[in-house]
Amino acid sequence: MDHEVILLEQQSLEALLHNYRQLEQLNGAITFLAEADSPVLTATAWHFTESENMLLKQKGIKAAILELLDILVEQRKKHRIRPNREGRLHVKNGTLAIEWLTEGTALISAYEQTG
């Protein structure tokens, strides 16, 4: 079951990139956190330039990313795959990758600069 959920994550990221080609031009990351009793995200930190953030908002990409992250967190929690509450979505050179973080890491990494 873990393999199926992880495969779904990868396919979902590929679909997001296919639907929003503008992501291919961006380099940054989104750090996210869902509280233990919450089925959805409770905090995010967006590590992009001001103009990139505007593009994400105007094109509806930000809402699509948030919706997808909610689904992925929910799936991991449902299937008891850990880590499942904190992570970082990397957007770099036309690729999307999720780095799932151990509990308590997102609060620290939200303030780090991305490279």
PDB file of N, CA and C in Angstrom:
ATOM      1  N   MET A   1       0.831  -1.199   0.000  1.00  0.00           N
ATOM      2  CA  MET A   1       0.000   0.000   0.000  1.00  0.00           C
ATOM      3  C   MET A   1       0.872   1.258   0.000  1.00  0.00           C
ATOM      4  N   ASP A   2       1.980   1.227   0.755  1.00  0.00           N
ATOM      5  CA  ASP A   2       2.868   2.388   0.783  1.00  0.00           C
ATOM      6  C   ASP A   2       3.344   2.739  -0.619  1.00  0.00           C
ATOM      7  N   HIS A   3       3.709   1.705  -1.377  1.00  0.00           N
ATOM      8  CA  HIS A   3       4.207   1.923  -2.730  1.00  0.00           C
ATOM      9  C   HIS A   3       3.152   2.608  -3.593  1.00  0.00           C
ATOM     10  N   GLU A   4       1.898   2.212  -3.452  1.00  0.00           N
ATOM     11  CA  GLU A   4       0.814   2.806  -4.239  1.00  0.00           C
ATOM     12  C   GLU A   4       0.627   4.281  -3.906  1.00  0.00           C
ATOM     13  N   VAL A   5       0.716   4.622  -2.632  1.00  0.00           N
ATOM     14  CA  VAL A   5       0.553   6.015  -2.216  1.00  0.00           C
ATOM     15  C   VAL A   5       1.722   6.852  -2.722  1.00  0.00           C
ATOM     16  N   ILE A   6       2.925   6.317  -2.638  1.00  0.00           N
ATOM     17  CA  ILE A   6       4.106   7.043  -3.113  1.00  0.00           C
ATOM     18  C   ILE A   6       4.044   7.217  -4.629  1.00  0.00           C
ATOM     19  N   LEU A   7       3.570   6.205  -5.335  1.00  0.00           N
ATOM     20  CA  LEU A   7       3.391   6.308  -6.785  1.00  0.00           C
ATOM     21  C   LEU A   7       2.348   7.370  -7.118  1.00  0.00           C
ATOM     22  N   LEU A   8       1.254   7.409  -6.359  1.00  0.00           N
ATOM     23  CA  LEU A   8       0.225   8.432  -6.544  1.00  0.00           C
ATOM     24  C   LEU A   8       0.813   9.830  -6.337  1.00  0.00           C
ATOM     25  N   GLU A   9       1.677   9.985  -5.345  1.00  0.00           N
ATOM     26  CA  GLU A   9       2.327  11.276  -5.108  1.00  0.00           C
ATOM     27  C   GLU A   9       3.094  11.714  -6.346  1.00  0.00           C
ATOM     28  N   GLN A  10       3.918  10.813  -6.887  1.00  0.00           N
ATOM     29  CA  GLN A  10       4.732  11.155  -8.049  1.00  0.00           C
ATOM     30  C   GLN A  10       3.863  11.485  -9.256  1.00  0.00           C
ATOM     31  N   GLN A  11       2.835  10.686  -9.489  1.00  0.00           N
ATOM     32  CA  GLN A  11       1.937  10.937 -10.621  1.00  0.00           C
ATOM     33  C   GLN A  11       1.202  12.265 -10.461  1.00  0.00           C
ATOM     34  N   SER A  12       0.828  12.598  -9.245  1.00  0.00           N
ATOM     35  CA  SER A  12       0.133  13.859  -8.975  1.00  0.00           C
ATOM     36  C   SER A  12       1.042  15.049  -9.239  1.00  0.00           C
ATOM     37  N   LEU A  13       2.302  14.934  -8.857  1.00  0.00           N
ATOM     38  CA  LEU A  13       3.264  16.007  -9.111  1.00  0.00           C
ATOM     39  C   LEU A  13       3.489  16.178 -10.612  1.00  0.00           C
ATOM     40  N   GLU A  14       3.587  15.075 -11.334  1.00  0.00           N
ATOM     41  CA  GLU A  14       3.756  15.137 -12.787  1.00  0.00           C
ATOM     42  C   GLU A  14       2.542  15.785 -13.453  1.00  0.00           C
ATOM     43  N   ALA A  15       1.346  15.469 -12.980  1.00  0.00           N
ATOM     44  CA  ALA A  15       0.124  16.065 -13.532  1.00  0.00           C
ATOM     45  C   ALA A  15       0.080  17.566 -13.254  1.00  0.00           C
ATOM     46  N   LEU A  16       0.488  17.965 -12.050  1.00  0.00           N
ATOM     47  CA  LEU A  16       0.523  19.386 -11.705  1.00  0.00           C
ATOM     48  C   LEU A  16       1.470  20.131 -12.638  1.00  0.00           C
ATOM     49  N   LEU A  17       2.637  19.566 -12.873  1.00  0.00           N
ATOM     50  CA  LEU A  17       3.617  20.177 -13.764  1.00  0.00           C
ATOM     51  C   LEU A  17       3.084  20.238 -15.192  1.00  0.00           C
ATOM     52  N   HIS A  18       2.389  19.207 -15.621  1.00  0.00           N
ATOM     53  CA  HIS A  18       1.808  19.181 -16.964  1.00  0.00           C
ATOM     54  C   HIS A  18       0.722  20.254 -17.117  1.00  0.00           C
ATOM     55  N   ASN A  19      -0.106  20.425 -16.089  1.00  0.00           N
ATOM     56  CA  ASN A  19      -1.211  21.390 -16.146  1.00  0.00           C
ATOM     57  C   ASN A  19      -0.769  22.832 -15.968  1.00  0.00           C
ATOM     58  N   TYR A  20       0.354  23.038 -15.312  1.00  0.00           N
ATOM     59  CA  TYR A  20       0.859  24.388 -15.041  1.00  0.00           C
ATOM     60  C   TYR A  20       2.313  24.465 -15.491  1.00  0.00           C
ATOM     61  N   ARG A  21       2.497  24.622 -16.789  1.00  0.00           N
ATOM     62  CA  ARG A  21       3.844  24.651 -17.377  1.00  0.00           C
ATOM     63  C   ARG A  21       4.701  25.802 -16.842  1.00  0.00           C
ATOM     64  N   GLN A  22       4.063  26.823 -16.265  1.00  0.00           N
ATOM     65  CA  GLN A  22       4.817  27.943 -15.704  1.00  0.00           C
ATOM     66  C   GLN A  22       5.757  27.475 -14.593  1.00  0.00           C
ATOM     67  N   LEU A  23       5.428  26.360 -13.958  1.00  0.00           N
ATOM     68  CA  LEU A  23       6.273  25.825 -12.887  1.00  0.00           C
ATOM     69  C   LEU A  23       7.665  25.470 -13.393  1.00  0.00           C
ATOM     70  N   GLU A  24       7.787  25.189 -14.694  1.00  0.00           N
ATOM     71  CA  GLU A  24       9.082  24.837 -15.269  1.00  0.00           C
ATOM     72  C   GLU A  24      10.069  25.997 -15.203  1.00  0.00           C
ATOM     73  N   GLN A  25       9.559  27.219 -15.077  1.00  0.00           N
ATOM     74  CA  GLN A  25      10.406  28.410 -15.059  1.00  0.00           C
ATOM     75  C   GLN A  25      10.783  28.846 -13.651  1.00  0.00           C
ATOM     76  N   LEU A  26      10.236  28.195 -12.642  1.00  0.00           N
ATOM     77  CA  LEU A  26      10.428  28.638 -11.264  1.00  0.00           C
ATOM     78  C   LEU A  26      11.451  27.782 -10.534  1.00  0.00           C
ATOM     79  N   ASN A  27      12.117  28.411  -9.571  1.00  0.00           N
ATOM     80  CA  ASN A  27      13.033  27.714  -8.676  1.00  0.00           C
ATOM     81  C   ASN A  27      12.744  28.186  -7.265  1.00  0.00           C
ATOM     82  N   GLY A  28      12.294  27.274  -6.421  1.00  0.00           N
ATOM     83  CA  GLY A  28      11.974  27.627  -5.046  1.00  0.00           C
ATOM     84  C   GLY A  28      11.429  26.419  -4.320  1.00  0.00           C
ATOM     85  N   ALA A  29      10.748  26.678  -3.213  1.00  0.00           N
ATOM     86  CA  ALA A  29      10.199  25.581  -2.419  1.00  0.00           C
ATOM     87  C   ALA A  29       9.029  26.075  -1.584  1.00  0.00           C
ATOM     88  N   ILE A  30       8.195  25.138  -1.188  1.00  0.00           N
ATOM     89  CA  ILE A  30       7.091  25.411  -0.265  1.00  0.00           C
ATOM     90  C   ILE A  30       7.269  24.468   0.918  1.00  0.00           C
ATOM     91  N   THR A  31       7.438  25.029   2.093  1.00  0.00           N
ATOM     92  CA  THR A  31       7.497  24.227   3.310  1.00  0.00           C
ATOM     93  C   THR A  31       6.086  24.176   3.866  1.00  0.00           C
ATOM     94  N   PHE A  32       5.635  22.985   4.256  1.00  0.00           N
ATOM     95  CA  PHE A  32       4.253  22.851   4.716  1.00  0.00           C
ATOM     96  C   PHE A  32       4.170  22.010   5.982  1.00  0.00           C
ATOM     97  N   LEU A  33       3.055  22.235   6.702  1.00  0.00           N
ATOM     98  CA  LEU A  33       2.835  21.577   7.987  1.00  0.00           C
ATOM     99  C   LEU A  33       1.342  21.355   8.180  1.00  0.00           C
ATOM    100  N   ALA A  34       0.987  20.184   8.667  1.00  0.00           N
ATOM    101  CA  ALA A  34      -0.391  19.884   9.059  1.00  0.00           C
ATOM    102  C   ALA A  34      -0.359  19.449  10.521  1.00  0.00           C
ATOM    103  N   GLU A  35      -1.148  20.093  11.340  1.00  0.00           N
ATOM    104  CA  GLU A  35      -1.210  19.705  12.755  1.00  0.00           C
ATOM    105  C   GLU A  35      -1.712  18.268  12.861  1.00  0.00           C
ATOM    106  N   ALA A  36      -1.394  17.611  13.952  1.00  0.00           N
ATOM    107  CA  ALA A  36      -1.736  16.195  14.131  1.00  0.00           C
ATOM    108  C   ALA A  36      -3.232  15.929  13.989  1.00  0.00           C
ATOM    109  N   ASP A  37      -4.056  16.825  14.497  1.00  0.00           N
ATOM    110  CA  ASP A  37      -5.506  16.612  14.458  1.00  0.00           C
ATOM    111  C   ASP A  37      -6.182  17.258  13.250  1.00  0.00           C
ATOM    112  N   SER A  38      -5.400  17.764  12.311  1.00  0.00           N
ATOM    113  CA  SER A  38      -5.962  18.417  11.133  1.00  0.00           C
ATOM    114  C   SER A  38      -5.751  17.547   9.892  1.00  0.00           C
ATOM    115  N   PRO A  39      -6.801  17.345   9.095  1.00  0.00           N
ATOM    116  CA  PRO A  39      -6.651  16.568   7.867  1.00  0.00           C
ATOM    117  C   PRO A  39      -6.035  17.381   6.726  1.00  0.00           C
ATOM    118  N   VAL A  40      -5.890  18.684   6.922  1.00  0.00           N
ATOM    119  CA  VAL A  40      -5.346  19.557   5.874  1.00  0.00           C
ATOM    120  C   VAL A  40      -4.195  20.390   6.430  1.00  0.00           C
ATOM    121  N   LEU A  41      -3.520  21.094   5.542  1.00  0.00           N
ATOM    122  CA  LEU A  41      -2.393  21.936   5.942  1.00  0.00           C
ATOM    123  C   LEU A  41      -2.836  23.036   6.895  1.00  0.00           C
ATOM    124  N   THR A  42      -1.980  23.338   7.851  1.00  0.00           N
ATOM    125  CA  THR A  42      -2.271  24.430   8.775  1.00  0.00           C
ATOM    126  C   THR A  42      -1.275  25.571   8.633  1.00  0.00           C
ATOM    127  N   ALA A  43      -0.149  25.325   7.951  1.00  0.00           N
ATOM    128  CA  ALA A  43       0.838  26.387   7.744  1.00  0.00           C
ATOM    129  C   ALA A  43       1.677  26.080   6.507  1.00  0.00           C
ATOM    130  N   THR A  44       2.035  27.146   5.792  1.00  0.00           N
ATOM    131  CA  THR A  44       2.945  27.016   4.655  1.00  0.00           C
ATOM    132  C   THR A  44       3.892  28.205   4.650  1.00  0.00           C
ATOM    133  N   ALA A  45       5.073  27.995   4.099  1.00  0.00           N
ATOM    134  CA  ALA A  45       6.039  29.073   3.869  1.00  0.00           C
ATOM    135  C   ALA A  45       6.504  28.928   2.422  1.00  0.00           C
ATOM    136  N   TRP A  46       6.362  30.005   1.659  1.00  0.00           N
ATOM    137  CA  TRP A  46       6.667  29.988   0.232  1.00  0.00           C
ATOM    138  C   TRP A  46       8.011  30.661   0.007  1.00  0.00           C
ATOM    139  N   HIS A  47       8.947  29.933  -0.586  1.00  0.00           N
ATOM    140  CA  HIS A  47      10.306  30.419  -0.804  1.00  0.00           C
ATOM    141  C   HIS A  47      10.520  30.687  -2.299  1.00  0.00           C
ATOM    142  N   PHE A  48       9.964  31.810  -2.754  1.00  0.00           N
ATOM    143  CA  PHE A  48      10.079  32.234  -4.143  1.00  0.00           C
ATOM    144  C   PHE A  48      10.312  33.740  -4.168  1.00  0.00           C
ATOM    145  N   THR A  49      10.729  34.264  -5.326  1.00  0.00           N
ATOM    146  CA  THR A  49      10.865  35.707  -5.460  1.00  0.00           C
ATOM    147  C   THR A  49       9.473  36.332  -5.452  1.00  0.00           C
ATOM    148  N   GLU A  50       9.432  37.634  -5.276  1.00  0.00           N
ATOM    149  CA  GLU A  50       8.146  38.338  -5.255  1.00  0.00           C
ATOM    150  C   GLU A  50       7.392  38.157  -6.573  1.00  0.00           C
ATOM    151  N   SER A  51       8.107  38.260  -7.692  1.00  0.00           N
ATOM    152  CA  SER A  51       7.445  38.107  -8.995  1.00  0.00           C
ATOM    153  C   SER A  51       6.961  36.670  -9.205  1.00  0.00           C
ATOM    154  N   GLU A  52       7.716  35.694  -8.717  1.00  0.00           N
ATOM    155  CA  GLU A  52       7.276  34.303  -8.826  1.00  0.00           C
ATOM    156  C   GLU A  52       6.027  34.060  -7.977  1.00  0.00           C
ATOM    157  N   ASN A  53       5.991  34.650  -6.786  1.00  0.00           N
ATOM    158  CA  ASN A  53       4.804  34.525  -5.931  1.00  0.00           C
ATOM    159  C   ASN A  53       3.573  35.127  -6.598  1.00  0.00           C
ATOM    160  N   MET A  54       3.746  36.264  -7.262  1.00  0.00           N
ATOM    161  CA  MET A  54       2.627  36.894  -7.980  1.00  0.00           C
ATOM    162  C   MET A  54       2.116  35.973  -9.088  1.00  0.00           C
ATOM    163  N   LEU A  55       3.034  35.379  -9.835  1.00  0.00           N
ATOM    164  CA  LEU A  55       2.662  34.455 -10.907  1.00  0.00           C
ATOM    165  C   LEU A  55       1.883  33.269 -10.342  1.00  0.00           C
ATOM    166  N   LEU A  56       2.358  32.714  -9.235  1.00  0.00           N
ATOM    167  CA  LEU A  56       1.688  31.572  -8.607  1.00  0.00           C
ATOM    168  C   LEU A  56       0.253  31.918  -8.214  1.00  0.00           C
ATOM    169  N   LYS A  57       0.046  33.119  -7.705  1.00  0.00           N
ATOM    170  CA  LYS A  57      -1.296  33.544  -7.287  1.00  0.00           C
ATOM    171  C   LYS A  57      -2.189  33.835  -8.488  1.00  0.00           C
ATOM    172  N   GLN A  58      -1.675  34.607  -9.440  1.00  0.00           N
ATOM    173  CA  GLN A  58      -2.484  35.050 -10.572  1.00  0.00           C
ATOM    174  C   GLN A  58      -2.938  33.904 -11.464  1.00  0.00           C
ATOM    175  N   LYS A  59      -2.130  32.913 -11.634  1.00  0.00           N
ATOM    176  CA  LYS A  59      -2.445  31.807 -12.544  1.00  0.00           C
ATOM    177  C   LYS A  59      -3.200  30.668 -11.858  1.00  0.00           C
ATOM    178  N   GLY A  60      -3.490  30.824 -10.558  1.00  0.00           N
ATOM    179  CA  GLY A  60      -4.207  29.775  -9.842  1.00  0.00           C
ATOM    180  C   GLY A  60      -3.339  28.596  -9.442  1.00  0.00           C
ATOM    181  N   ILE A  61      -2.048  28.746  -9.638  1.00  0.00           N
ATOM    182  CA  ILE A  61      -1.126  27.649  -9.339  1.00  0.00           C
ATOM    183  C   ILE A  61      -1.020  27.430  -7.835  1.00  0.00           C
ATOM    184  N   LYS A  62      -1.012  28.515  -7.087  1.00  0.00           N
ATOM    185  CA  LYS A  62      -0.885  28.405  -5.631  1.00  0.00           C
ATOM    186  C   LYS A  62      -2.042  27.582  -5.050  1.00  0.00           C
ATOM    187  N   ALA A  63      -3.255  27.862  -5.487  1.00  0.00           N
ATOM    188  CA  ALA A  63      -4.423  27.117  -5.003  1.00  0.00           C
ATOM    189  C   ALA A  63      -4.325  25.642  -5.386  1.00  0.00           C
ATOM    190  N   ALA A  64      -3.853  25.364  -6.594  1.00  0.00           N
ATOM    191  CA  ALA A  64      -3.716  23.975  -7.053  1.00  0.00           C
ATOM    192  C   ALA A  64      -2.663  23.232  -6.232  1.00  0.00           C
ATOM    193  N   ILE A  65      -1.570  23.903  -5.912  1.00  0.00           N
ATOM    194  CA  ILE A  65      -0.516  23.288  -5.093  1.00  0.00           C
ATOM    195  C   ILE A  65      -1.045  22.991  -3.700  1.00  0.00           C
ATOM    196  N   LEU A  66      -1.738  23.951  -3.105  1.00  0.00           N
ATOM    197  CA  LEU A  66      -2.284  23.746  -1.760  1.00  0.00           C
ATOM    198  C   LEU A  66      -3.276  22.587  -1.734  1.00  0.00           C
ATOM    199  N   GLU A  67      -4.129  22.521  -2.740  1.00  0.00           N
ATOM    200  CA  GLU A  67      -5.106  21.433  -2.817  1.00  0.00           C
ATOM    201  C   GLU A  67      -4.400  20.079  -2.938  1.00  0.00           C
ATOM    202  N   LEU A  68      -3.376  20.021  -3.782  1.00  0.00           N
ATOM    203  CA  LEU A  68      -2.640  18.775  -3.956  1.00  0.00           C
ATOM    204  C   LEU A  68      -1.923  18.368  -2.669  1.00  0.00           C
ATOM    205  N   LEU A  69      -1.277  19.313  -2.006  1.00  0.00           N
ATOM    206  CA  LEU A  69      -0.577  18.988  -0.759  1.00  0.00           C
ATOM    207  C   LEU A  69      -1.553  18.492   0.306  1.00  0.00           C
ATOM    208  N   ASP A  70      -2.740  19.101   0.371  1.00  0.00           N
ATOM    209  CA  ASP A  70      -3.774  18.620   1.300  1.00  0.00           C
ATOM    210  C   ASP A  70      -4.101  17.147   1.024  1.00  0.00           C
ATOM    211  N   ILE A  71      -4.277  16.821  -0.238  1.00  0.00           N
ATOM    212  CA  ILE A  71      -4.615  15.446  -0.626  1.00  0.00           C
ATOM    213  C   ILE A  71      -3.485  14.484  -0.261  1.00  0.00           C
ATOM    214  N   LEU A  72      -2.248  14.888  -0.536  1.00  0.00           N
ATOM    215  CA  LEU A  72      -1.119  14.002  -0.260  1.00  0.00           C
ATOM    216  C   LEU A  72      -0.928  13.774   1.234  1.00  0.00           C
ATOM    217  N   VAL A  73      -1.096  14.835   2.027  1.00  0.00           N
ATOM    218  CA  VAL A  73      -1.008  14.690   3.486  1.00  0.00           C
ATOM    219  C   VAL A  73      -2.116  13.761   3.975  1.00  0.00           C
ATOM    220  N   GLU A  74      -3.331  13.981   3.475  1.00  0.00           N
ATOM    221  CA  GLU A  74      -4.469  13.157   3.881  1.00  0.00           C
ATOM    222  C   GLU A  74      -4.238  11.681   3.537  1.00  0.00           C
ATOM    223  N   GLN A  75      -3.710  11.413   2.342  1.00  0.00           N
ATOM    224  CA  GLN A  75      -3.453  10.033   1.925  1.00  0.00           C
ATOM    225  C   GLN A  75      -2.410   9.361   2.816  1.00  0.00           C
ATOM    226  N   ARG A  76      -1.352  10.088   3.127  1.00  0.00           N
ATOM    227  CA  ARG A  76      -0.316   9.512   3.992  1.00  0.00           C
ATOM    228  C   ARG A  76      -0.863   9.229   5.388  1.00  0.00           C
ATOM    229  N   LYS A  77      -1.662  10.147   5.911  1.00  0.00           N
ATOM    230  CA  LYS A  77      -2.255   9.925   7.238  1.00  0.00           C
ATOM    231  C   LYS A  77      -3.207   8.731   7.204  1.00  0.00           C
ATOM    232  N   LYS A  78      -4.037   8.673   6.180  1.00  0.00           N
ATOM    233  CA  LYS A  78      -5.028   7.600   6.047  1.00  0.00           C
ATOM    234  C   LYS A  78      -4.359   6.226   6.022  1.00  0.00           C
ATOM    235  N   HIS A  79      -3.225   6.135   5.323  1.00  0.00           N
ATOM    236  CA  HIS A  79      -2.525   4.858   5.189  1.00  0.00           C
ATOM    237  C   HIS A  79      -1.393   4.693   6.203  1.00  0.00           C
ATOM    238  N   ARG A  80      -1.325   5.629   7.146  1.00  0.00           N
ATOM    239  CA  ARG A  80      -0.346   5.584   8.240  1.00  0.00           C
ATOM    240  C   ARG A  80       1.095   5.502   7.744  1.00  0.00           C
ATOM    241  N   ILE A  81       1.370   6.263   6.699  1.00  0.00           N
ATOM    242  CA  ILE A  81       2.725   6.348   6.163  1.00  0.00           C
ATOM    243  C   ILE A  81       3.398   7.543   6.817  1.00  0.00           C
ATOM    244  N   ARG A  82       4.538   7.317   7.403  1.00  0.00           N
ATOM    245  CA  ARG A  82       5.270   8.401   8.057  1.00  0.00           C
ATOM    246  C   ARG A  82       6.573   8.650   7.324  1.00  0.00           C
ATOM    247  N   PRO A  83       7.038   9.893   7.327  1.00  0.00           N
ATOM    248  CA  PRO A  83       6.369  11.082   7.859  1.00  0.00           C
ATOM    249  C   PRO A  83       5.163  11.457   7.003  1.00  0.00           C
ATOM    250  N   ASN A  84       4.214  12.165   7.652  1.00  0.00           N
ATOM    251  CA  ASN A  84       2.979  12.510   6.941  1.00  0.00           C
ATOM    252  C   ASN A  84       2.427  13.890   7.267  1.00  0.00           C
ATOM    253  N   ARG A  85       3.119  14.655   8.083  1.00  0.00           N
ATOM    254  CA  ARG A  85       2.568  15.953   8.487  1.00  0.00           C
ATOM    255  C   ARG A  85       3.396  17.145   8.030  1.00  0.00           C
ATOM    256  N   GLU A  86       4.648  16.932   7.717  1.00  0.00           N
ATOM    257  CA  GLU A  86       5.531  18.047   7.388  1.00  0.00           C
ATOM    258  C   GLU A  86       6.368  17.697   6.167  1.00  0.00           C
ATOM    259  N   GLY A  87       6.629  18.730   5.370  1.00  0.00           N
ATOM    260  CA  GLY A  87       7.460  18.480   4.210  1.00  0.00           C
ATOM    261  C   GLY A  87       7.820  19.748   3.476  1.00  0.00           C
ATOM    262  N   ARG A  88       8.534  19.533   2.391  1.00  0.00           N
ATOM    263  CA  ARG A  88       8.932  20.642   1.536  1.00  0.00           C
ATOM    264  C   ARG A  88       8.770  20.186   0.090  1.00  0.00           C
ATOM    265  N   LEU A  89       8.028  20.980  -0.677  1.00  0.00           N
ATOM    266  CA  LEU A  89       7.878  20.731  -2.106  1.00  0.00           C
ATOM    267  C   LEU A  89       8.930  21.565  -2.820  1.00  0.00           C
ATOM    268  N   HIS A  90       9.854  20.888  -3.489  1.00  0.00           N
ATOM    269  CA  HIS A  90      10.915  21.563  -4.231  1.00  0.00           C
ATOM    270  C   HIS A  90      10.468  21.765  -5.677  1.00  0.00           C
ATOM    271  N   VAL A  91      10.652  22.980  -6.172  1.00  0.00           N
ATOM    272  CA  VAL A  91      10.351  23.320  -7.557  1.00  0.00           C
ATOM    273  C   VAL A  91      11.666  23.803  -8.152  1.00  0.00           C
ATOM    274  N   LYS A  92      12.247  22.995  -9.027  1.00  0.00           N
ATOM    275  CA  LYS A  92      13.574  23.362  -9.529  1.00  0.00           C
ATOM    276  C   LYS A  92      13.810  22.781 -10.919  1.00  0.00           C
ATOM    277  N   ASN A  93      14.199  23.645 -11.831  1.00  0.00           N
ATOM    278  CA  ASN A  93      14.588  23.237 -13.183  1.00  0.00           C
ATOM    279  C   ASN A  93      13.562  22.320 -13.852  1.00  0.00           C
ATOM    280  N   GLY A  94      12.294  22.670 -13.723  1.00  0.00           N
ATOM    281  CA  GLY A  94      11.248  21.908 -14.384  1.00  0.00           C
ATOM    282  C   GLY A  94      10.880  20.599 -13.712  1.00  0.00           C
ATOM    283  N   THR A  95      11.299  20.423 -12.466  1.00  0.00           N
ATOM    284  CA  THR A  95      10.928  19.213 -11.731  1.00  0.00           C
ATOM    285  C   THR A  95      10.275  19.587 -10.404  1.00  0.00           C
ATOM    286  N   LEU A  96       9.404  18.715  -9.943  1.00  0.00           N
ATOM    287  CA  LEU A  96       8.764  18.865  -8.640  1.00  0.00           C
ATOM    288  C   LEU A  96       9.105  17.629  -7.823  1.00  0.00           C
ATOM    289  N   ALA A  97       9.487  17.840  -6.564  1.00  0.00           N
ATOM    290  CA  ALA A  97       9.808  16.711  -5.687  1.00  0.00           C
ATOM    291  C   ALA A  97       9.409  17.065  -4.264  1.00  0.00           C
ATOM    292  N   ILE A  98       8.829  16.091  -3.574  1.00  0.00           N
ATOM    293  CA  ILE A  98       8.463  16.301  -2.170  1.00  0.00           C
ATOM    294  C   ILE A  98       9.502  15.642  -1.286  1.00  0.00           C
ATOM    295  N   GLU A  99       9.963  16.406  -0.332  1.00  0.00           N
ATOM    296  CA  GLU A  99      10.843  15.895   0.714  1.00  0.00           C
ATOM    297  C   GLU A  99      10.004  15.869   1.989  1.00  0.00           C
ATOM    298  N   TRP A 100       9.648  14.684   2.456  1.00  0.00           N
ATOM    299  CA  TRP A 100       8.868  14.567   3.684  1.00  0.00           C
ATOM    300  C   TRP A 100       9.814  14.718   4.859  1.00  0.00           C
ATOM    301  N   LEU A 101       9.446  15.560   5.808  1.00  0.00           N
ATOM    302  CA  LEU A 101      10.310  15.891   6.941  1.00  0.00           C
ATOM    303  C   LEU A 101       9.822  15.213   8.212  1.00  0.00           C
ATOM    304  N   THR A 102      10.771  14.890   9.082  1.00  0.00           N
ATOM    305  CA  THR A 102      10.393  14.316  10.366  1.00  0.00           C
ATOM    306  C   THR A 102       9.718  15.387  11.211  1.00  0.00           C
ATOM    307  N   GLU A 103       8.884  14.949  12.115  1.00  0.00           N
ATOM    308  CA  GLU A 103       8.071  15.855  12.923  1.00  0.00           C
ATOM    309  C   GLU A 103       8.930  16.894  13.643  1.00  0.00           C
ATOM    310  N   GLY A 104       8.530  18.156  13.532  1.00  0.00           N
ATOM    311  CA  GLY A 104       9.231  19.258  14.175  1.00  0.00           C
ATOM    312  C   GLY A 104      10.247  19.946  13.288  1.00  0.00           C
ATOM    313  N   THR A 105      10.528  19.386  12.125  1.00  0.00           N
ATOM    314  CA  THR A 105      11.534  19.940  11.225  1.00  0.00           C
ATOM    315  C   THR A 105      11.013  21.119  10.419  1.00  0.00           C
ATOM    316  N   ALA A 106       9.741  21.101  10.047  1.00  0.00           N
ATOM    317  CA  ALA A 106       9.185  22.135   9.165  1.00  0.00           C
ATOM    318  C   ALA A 106       9.262  23.519   9.787  1.00  0.00           C
ATOM    319  N   LEU A 107       9.054  23.618  11.076  1.00  0.00           N
ATOM    320  CA  LEU A 107       9.106  24.929  11.725  1.00  0.00           C
ATOM    321  C   LEU A 107      10.481  25.553  11.584  1.00  0.00           C
ATOM    322  N   ILE A 108      11.510  24.744  11.664  1.00  0.00           N
ATOM    323  CA  ILE A 108      12.873  25.251  11.516  1.00  0.00           C
ATOM    324  C   ILE A 108      13.179  25.531  10.053  1.00  0.00           C
ATOM    325  N   SER A 109      12.854  24.577   9.173  1.00  0.00           N
ATOM    326  CA  SER A 109      13.224  24.713   7.768  1.00  0.00           C
ATOM    327  C   SER A 109      12.428  25.793   7.047  1.00  0.00           C
ATOM    328  N   ALA A 110      11.310  26.222   7.597  1.00  0.00           N
ATOM    329  CA  ALA A 110      10.519  27.278   6.966  1.00  0.00           C
ATOM    330  C   ALA A 110      11.296  28.581   6.887  1.00  0.00           C
ATOM    331  N   TYR A 111      12.256  28.745   7.769  1.00  0.00           N
ATOM    332  CA  TYR A 111      13.017  29.986   7.812  1.00  0.00           C
ATOM    333  C   TYR A 111      14.362  29.885   7.107  1.00  0.00           C
ATOM    334  N   GLU A 112      14.700  28.711   6.605  1.00  0.00           N
ATOM    335  CA  GLU A 112      15.960  28.538   5.901  1.00  0.00           C
ATOM    336  C   GLU A 112      15.841  29.057   4.477  1.00  0.00           C
ATOM    337  N   GLN A 113      16.949  29.529   3.936  1.00  0.00           N
ATOM    338  CA  GLN A 113      16.992  29.928   2.537  1.00  0.00           C
ATOM    339  C   GLN A 113      17.098  28.673   1.694  1.00  0.00           C
ATOM    340  N   THR A 114      16.429  28.659   0.558  1.00  0.00           N
ATOM    341  CA  THR A 114      16.561  27.533  -0.354  1.00  0.00           C
ATOM    342  C   THR A 114      17.648  27.848  -1.358  1.00  0.00           C
ATOM    343  N   GLY A 115      18.318  26.810  -1.796  1.00  0.00           N
ATOM    344  CA  GLY A 115      19.431  26.990  -2.718  1.00  0.00           C
ATOM    345  C   GLY A 115      19.095  26.664  -4.127  1.00  0.00           C
TER     346      GLY A 115
END
